[in-house]
Amino acid sequence: MTPPSPPTARTQSRRASPYLKWITTGLLLPTLIGLAVYKTLAPQLPTIPTDLAELRKQATPELPIPTLPSAQRENSALVNTVEFVVRRNDTMERIFRQLKLSLNDLAAIRELPEVKRALDLLKPGDPITLTHTDGALQGLTRQVSDTAKLSVIRDGEGFKAELINTPLTIKTTTVHGTVESSLYASARKAGLSADLIMRMANDIFGWDIDFALDIRPGDEFTVVYEKQYRDNDYVSDGRILAAEFINDGHLFRAVRYDSADGQVSNYFTPQGRSMHKQFLRAPVDFTRISSGFSLARLHPILNTIRAHKGVDYAAPIGTPIKAAGDGKVSFAGVQNGYGNVLILDHGAGITTLYGHMSKFASGTRNGERVKQGEVIGYVGRTGAATGPHLHYEYRINGTYKDPRTVPLRNAGPIPESYMTDFHHQTDPMLTGLDRATQGNLSVASSISPNRH
């Protein structure tokens, strides 16, 4: 039997043609219907823009742009405020250059009355407030003293300046404490600043108490002092008004008295006797006593038994040495084992000697008069010295005395004519001390207007 022959292309075409007709009809019919509908509805549809900017314009309605009055447009530049803290070696010119401010404006304000001096006397830590517009100075303020502030503002084409009074408010504060390991640490813990501690030790009780050697645990202190405020902001500590120190069971009290005429201003006992003595116990802030007064001491260099007729105060080279009392320089130069030595004549047969100095203070020479506490030289190790220290001697009519134990006379009592006013001022301070020591401590007990 003969197999059937394969279909030809024409035969395949004829067979496929019914299917193609249906497919073609199925695809074209929806398209034709869609075109007919579009032609009918096209006039009613919105035109779709092809430009992106036009799309955004249609999506966001255009609003009117607000305009500023002419005065506001002129002042619309940004005003900058700078709080600048003066650093070491800063000048106003250096500050203006750093902040890119107009040097012509600086020259202009320096021509104003009283401004040049107020701007040139800069101290590290001083704050200055400056406002400017693109480098053009608009204003400057600076506290020039505790009670005055300089204000400079632009005024038309120039500037105007004024000093504004900024009075201080004084609050009286009382602090009480007990010495534990050291006076400094205990006083700081109680709330006293380092400056107040030094003033209490040097200016009030330094003639009666040796704060380097005599302080011991259990000693007590009470201090009534002023705190200065400006607009409720703390500025600094003021005067110590009254103080009490109990050292090894011995009570010392002092009050501040300033007479209205300015003739009397010092610390006194409650009875009106000056706390200041004619001589300082120690004329230098020392680290320790390296050698005390002795009539039989083994000399550290000569290795022989010799009298040590003074006190050696160990201190770093360059530590200032102060005159123990008012007097006149009778000798300033080099002398044997003393090295650089200075001798003061205080009258009444009393002389003091200061040895092993590194150098003398400027202007200190034979015949020069000095005041108690004035710097006369600096600690060194010249002459026969094994280390840096001050060798200090105290003589009465040529006889050596131990500077640490020799009786010292008071500088003098308050004149009788001031006694009534003295008690009127100081009795309330003593009452404050009594309250504090009895445990009725009030940290901020009163407020008074500035008296400075």
Foldseek 3Di string as FASTA:
>chain_A
DDDDDDDDPVVVVVVCVVVVVVVVCVVVVVVVVVVVVCVVCVVVDDDDDPDPVVVVCVVDPDDDDDDDDPVCVVVVFDKDKDKDFDAPPDAPVNVLVVVVADVVQVVQQCPAPPVVVLRGPDDGGWIKMWMAGPRYTAKIWGASDPFWIKIWGADVPGIDIDIDTFFKWKFKFKWKWWDDPAPVVTVVVRPDDPVVVCCCCPAFQQQPDDRQPQADGGKMKMWIWIWIDTPNHTDGTDDTAKMWIQTPNDIFIWGWDADPVRPDTGIAGLVFFGSDFQFGLAQFDADDWPDFFAQFDQDPPVRHTHGQLFTKGHDDWFTFGWGGHKFFWADFAQDAQQGTKTKTDPDQQKIKMKGQFPFFDPPRDHGDIDGGGDGTGTWHHGGPGPHTIITMWMDGNRHTDGSNPPDTGTPGGDPPVCVVVVCVPCVVVVVQVVCVVVPNGDGRDDMDTDPD
